[in-house]
Amino acid sequence: MVQRKQIWSLDELPPLLAGDCLAFKAEGFLQNSVKIIGAKSFHWAMCGEPAVDDDISVGDYSVHDSTDKGITAHLLSEYQYRHMRVYRPKMDAGLQDALKERIMKRYLYYGDQKYDYKGVFMVAAWLILNKIGFKVEWWEHNSHKFWCLEFDEIVLRDLWKPIVPITEPPHPGNMERSENLELIWGTY
């Protein structure tokens, strides 16, 4: 069995809030893919509530994201072997904490949605066309499925405001550079 090296620990994190965005560093062949769009991350998730229900998860947080299994929930500590950044929405003081219950309800509301592979390919095509000079307007395809970045974007858009311009699909590059997110912690 391959032993993974722990990169960070829960006690190194600042206190997190429901709705904080977690960006995981692209690794392997994916690094070159995201470098094309000026990004370093590949997979995004969203922080949920603190998980303090037993001796194992004290100090941990629930994490919600879109994977090939649909909208999933895990503990943040499961990601301690991956480089990660934490981005916080630039909301007025106290608003993010006040929205906590509504954010958690969104996870349940979108919980049965499947992963949107078609959407990911549409974003890739949009990025390629715009990179080579064809200025293509983004359209929201509303397939009732989500890719990971789209999940973060939709939850925050529904309750606050869009993270990225509505003329662009959410992708690692524009999420990392968003004026509506602030980098508060990271290992890369």
Protein backbone atom coordinates (compact mmCIF):
# COMPACT_ATOMS: atom_id res chain seq x y z
CA MET A 1 0.00 0.00 0.00
CA VAL A 2 1.30 3.46 -0.94
CA GLN A 3 1.63 5.76 2.05
CA ARG A 4 0.54 9.33 1.29
CA LYS A 5 2.41 12.18 2.91
CA GLN A 6 0.28 14.53 4.97
CA ILE A 7 0.77 18.07 3.64
CA TRP A 8 -1.23 20.07 6.19
CA SER A 9 -3.21 19.51 9.36
CA LEU A 10 -6.54 20.81 10.60
CA ASP A 11 -4.92 22.85 13.37
CA GLU A 12 -3.04 24.92 10.73
CA LEU A 13 -6.29 26.16 9.15
CA PRO A 14 -7.94 29.44 10.08
CA PRO A 15 -11.54 29.01 11.32
CA LEU A 16 -13.61 28.22 8.22
CA LEU A 17 -17.16 29.27 7.40
CA ALA A 18 -19.89 27.51 5.44
CA GLY A 19 -19.48 28.75 1.88
CA ASP A 20 -15.69 29.05 1.91
CA CYS A 21 -14.34 27.70 -1.38
CA LEU A 22 -11.61 25.05 -1.37
CA ALA A 23 -9.33 24.89 -4.41
CA PHE A 24 -7.14 21.81 -4.84
CA LYS A 25 -3.89 22.05 -6.77
CA ALA A 26 -3.72 20.40 -10.17
CA GLU A 27 -1.26 17.53 -10.13
CA GLY A 28 0.40 15.40 -12.78
CA PHE A 29 -0.72 15.97 -16.37
CA LEU A 30 -3.47 18.32 -15.17
CA GLN A 31 -0.89 20.98 -14.24
CA ASN A 32 -0.21 21.74 -17.90
CA SER A 33 -3.92 21.76 -18.69
CA VAL A 34 -4.72 24.50 -16.17
CA LYS A 35 -1.47 26.41 -16.82
CA ILE A 36 -2.88 27.26 -20.28
CA ILE A 37 -5.58 29.37 -18.60
CA GLY A 38 -3.23 30.81 -15.98
CA ALA A 39 -4.49 28.65 -13.13
CA LYS A 40 -2.96 26.33 -10.58
CA SER A 41 -6.06 24.61 -9.21
CA PHE A 42 -8.17 21.92 -10.78
CA HIS A 43 -10.83 20.67 -8.37
CA TRP A 44 -12.99 22.94 -6.22
CA ALA A 45 -15.26 22.16 -3.27
CA MET A 46 -17.15 24.13 -0.66
CA CYS A 47 -16.81 24.10 3.10
CA GLY A 48 -19.84 23.20 5.18
CA GLU A 49 -20.34 23.05 8.92
CA PRO A 50 -17.77 22.21 11.57
CA ALA A 51 -17.92 18.48 12.28
CA VAL A 52 -17.64 17.93 16.02
CA ASP A 53 -19.91 14.95 16.55
CA ASP A 54 -17.33 12.38 17.66
CA ASP A 55 -13.73 11.97 18.81
CA ILE A 56 -12.50 11.41 15.25
CA SER A 57 -13.91 14.50 13.58
CA VAL A 58 -13.41 17.11 16.31
CA GLY A 59 -12.00 20.20 14.63
CA ASP A 60 -12.93 18.92 11.17
CA TYR A 61 -15.37 20.38 8.63
CA SER A 62 -17.86 18.90 6.22
CA VAL A 63 -16.97 19.45 2.57
CA HIS A 64 -19.43 19.38 -0.31
CA ASP A 65 -18.54 19.10 -3.97
CA SER A 66 -19.62 17.76 -7.32
CA THR A 67 -17.94 14.52 -8.32
CA ASP A 68 -18.79 11.69 -10.68
CA LYS A 69 -21.02 10.37 -7.86
CA GLY A 70 -23.07 13.58 -7.74
CA ILE A 71 -22.98 16.16 -4.95
CA THR A 72 -20.97 14.45 -2.24
CA ALA A 73 -20.06 15.20 1.37
CA HIS A 74 -16.88 14.22 3.17
CA LEU A 75 -14.63 15.46 5.94
CA LEU A 76 -12.01 18.06 5.12
CA SER A 77 -9.34 15.92 6.80
CA GLU A 78 -9.68 13.44 3.94
CA TYR A 79 -7.84 16.02 1.79
CA GLN A 80 -4.79 16.48 4.05
CA TYR A 81 -2.56 14.78 1.48
CA ARG A 82 -3.44 17.33 -1.24
CA HIS A 83 -2.27 20.91 -1.68
CA MET A 84 -5.19 23.23 -1.07
CA ARG A 85 -6.16 26.89 -0.97
CA VAL A 86 -9.10 28.41 0.91
CA TYR A 87 -10.94 31.30 -0.72
CA ARG A 88 -13.53 33.26 1.25
CA PRO A 89 -16.38 35.19 -0.41
CA LYS A 90 -15.87 38.96 0.11
CA MET A 91 -19.22 39.45 1.86
CA ASP A 92 -20.08 42.15 4.35
CA ALA A 93 -19.07 41.26 7.91
CA GLY A 94 -21.37 38.63 9.39
CA LEU A 95 -23.31 37.91 6.19
CA GLN A 96 -21.56 34.62 5.42
CA ASP A 97 -22.22 33.33 8.93
CA ALA A 98 -25.84 34.53 8.70
CA LEU A 99 -26.25 32.58 5.42
CA LYS A 100 -24.89 29.34 6.94
CA GLU A 101 -28.27 27.60 7.29
CA ARG A 102 -29.30 28.57 3.75
CA ILE A 103 -25.94 27.40 2.35
CA MET A 104 -26.37 24.03 4.08
CA LYS A 105 -29.90 23.73 2.65
CA ARG A 106 -28.47 24.31 -0.83
CA TYR A 107 -26.24 21.26 -0.39
CA LEU A 108 -29.33 19.19 0.32
CA TYR A 109 -31.32 20.83 -2.48
CA TYR A 110 -28.66 20.06 -5.08
CA GLY A 111 -27.69 16.78 -3.44
CA ASP A 112 -29.04 14.39 -6.07
CA GLN A 113 -27.51 16.17 -9.07
CA LYS A 114 -25.05 14.20 -11.15
CA TYR A 115 -21.66 15.34 -12.48
CA ASP A 116 -21.86 17.37 -15.68
CA TYR A 117 -19.27 15.91 -18.03
CA LYS A 118 -20.92 17.66 -20.98
CA GLY A 119 -20.55 21.00 -19.18
CA VAL A 120 -16.84 20.40 -18.62
CA PHE A 121 -16.34 19.75 -22.34
CA MET A 122 -18.39 22.86 -23.15
CA VAL A 123 -16.10 24.94 -20.89
CA ALA A 124 -13.01 23.44 -22.56
CA ALA A 125 -14.41 24.27 -26.02
CA TRP A 126 -15.29 27.81 -24.88
CA LEU A 127 -11.78 28.32 -23.49
CA ILE A 128 -10.09 27.01 -26.64
CA LEU A 129 -12.25 29.11 -28.98
CA ASN A 130 -11.64 32.26 -26.96
CA LYS A 131 -7.90 31.52 -26.67
CA ILE A 132 -7.52 31.31 -30.47
CA GLY A 133 -9.44 34.53 -31.07
CA PHE A 134 -13.07 33.50 -31.57
CA LYS A 135 -14.94 35.53 -28.97
CA VAL A 136 -17.80 33.19 -28.07
CA GLU A 137 -20.43 34.29 -25.58
CA TRP A 138 -21.02 31.83 -22.74
CA TRP A 139 -24.50 30.47 -22.31
CA GLU A 140 -25.83 28.74 -19.23
CA HIS A 141 -26.85 25.32 -20.43
CA ASN A 142 -28.90 24.45 -17.28
CA SER A 143 -28.57 20.69 -17.55
CA HIS A 144 -29.47 20.05 -13.89
CA LYS A 145 -25.99 18.63 -13.49
CA PHE A 146 -22.87 20.37 -12.18
CA TRP A 147 -19.12 20.28 -12.47
CA CYS A 148 -17.24 21.16 -9.27
CA LEU A 149 -16.61 24.85 -10.02
CA GLU A 150 -20.15 25.35 -11.26
CA PHE A 151 -21.47 23.97 -7.96
CA ASP A 152 -19.57 26.60 -5.93
CA GLU A 153 -20.61 29.33 -8.37
CA ILE A 154 -24.31 28.42 -8.29
CA VAL A 155 -24.57 28.08 -4.51
CA LEU A 156 -23.02 31.52 -3.95
CA ARG A 157 -24.84 33.10 -6.89
CA ASP A 158 -28.18 31.85 -5.57
CA LEU A 159 -27.59 33.32 -2.10
CA TRP A 160 -25.29 36.29 -2.71
CA LYS A 161 -23.82 37.15 -6.11
CA PRO A 162 -21.87 35.44 -8.90
CA ILE A 163 -18.20 34.64 -8.29
CA VAL A 164 -17.33 35.03 -11.96
CA PRO A 165 -18.88 37.23 -14.68
CA ILE A 166 -22.06 35.76 -16.16
CA THR A 167 -20.43 36.07 -19.59
CA GLU A 168 -17.91 33.35 -18.66
CA PRO A 169 -18.22 29.80 -17.38
CA PRO A 170 -16.65 29.12 -13.99
CA HIS A 171 -13.19 27.63 -14.54
CA PRO A 172 -10.05 27.51 -12.35
CA GLY A 173 -8.52 30.63 -13.91
CA ASN A 174 -11.38 33.04 -13.36
CA MET A 175 -12.28 31.54 -9.97
CA GLU A 176 -8.71 32.04 -8.69
CA ARG A 177 -8.72 35.63 -9.98
CA SER A 178 -12.27 36.50 -8.91
CA GLU A 179 -12.76 39.92 -7.35
CA ASN A 180 -15.48 38.34 -5.19
CA LEU A 181 -13.15 35.82 -3.48
CA GLU A 182 -10.25 36.41 -1.12
CA LEU A 183 -7.41 33.93 -0.61
CA ILE A 184 -7.20 33.34 3.17
CA TRP A 185 -4.96 30.25 3.39
CA GLY A 186 -3.07 27.84 1.19
CA THR A 187 -0.24 25.38 0.72
CA TYR A 188 0.61 26.41 -2.87
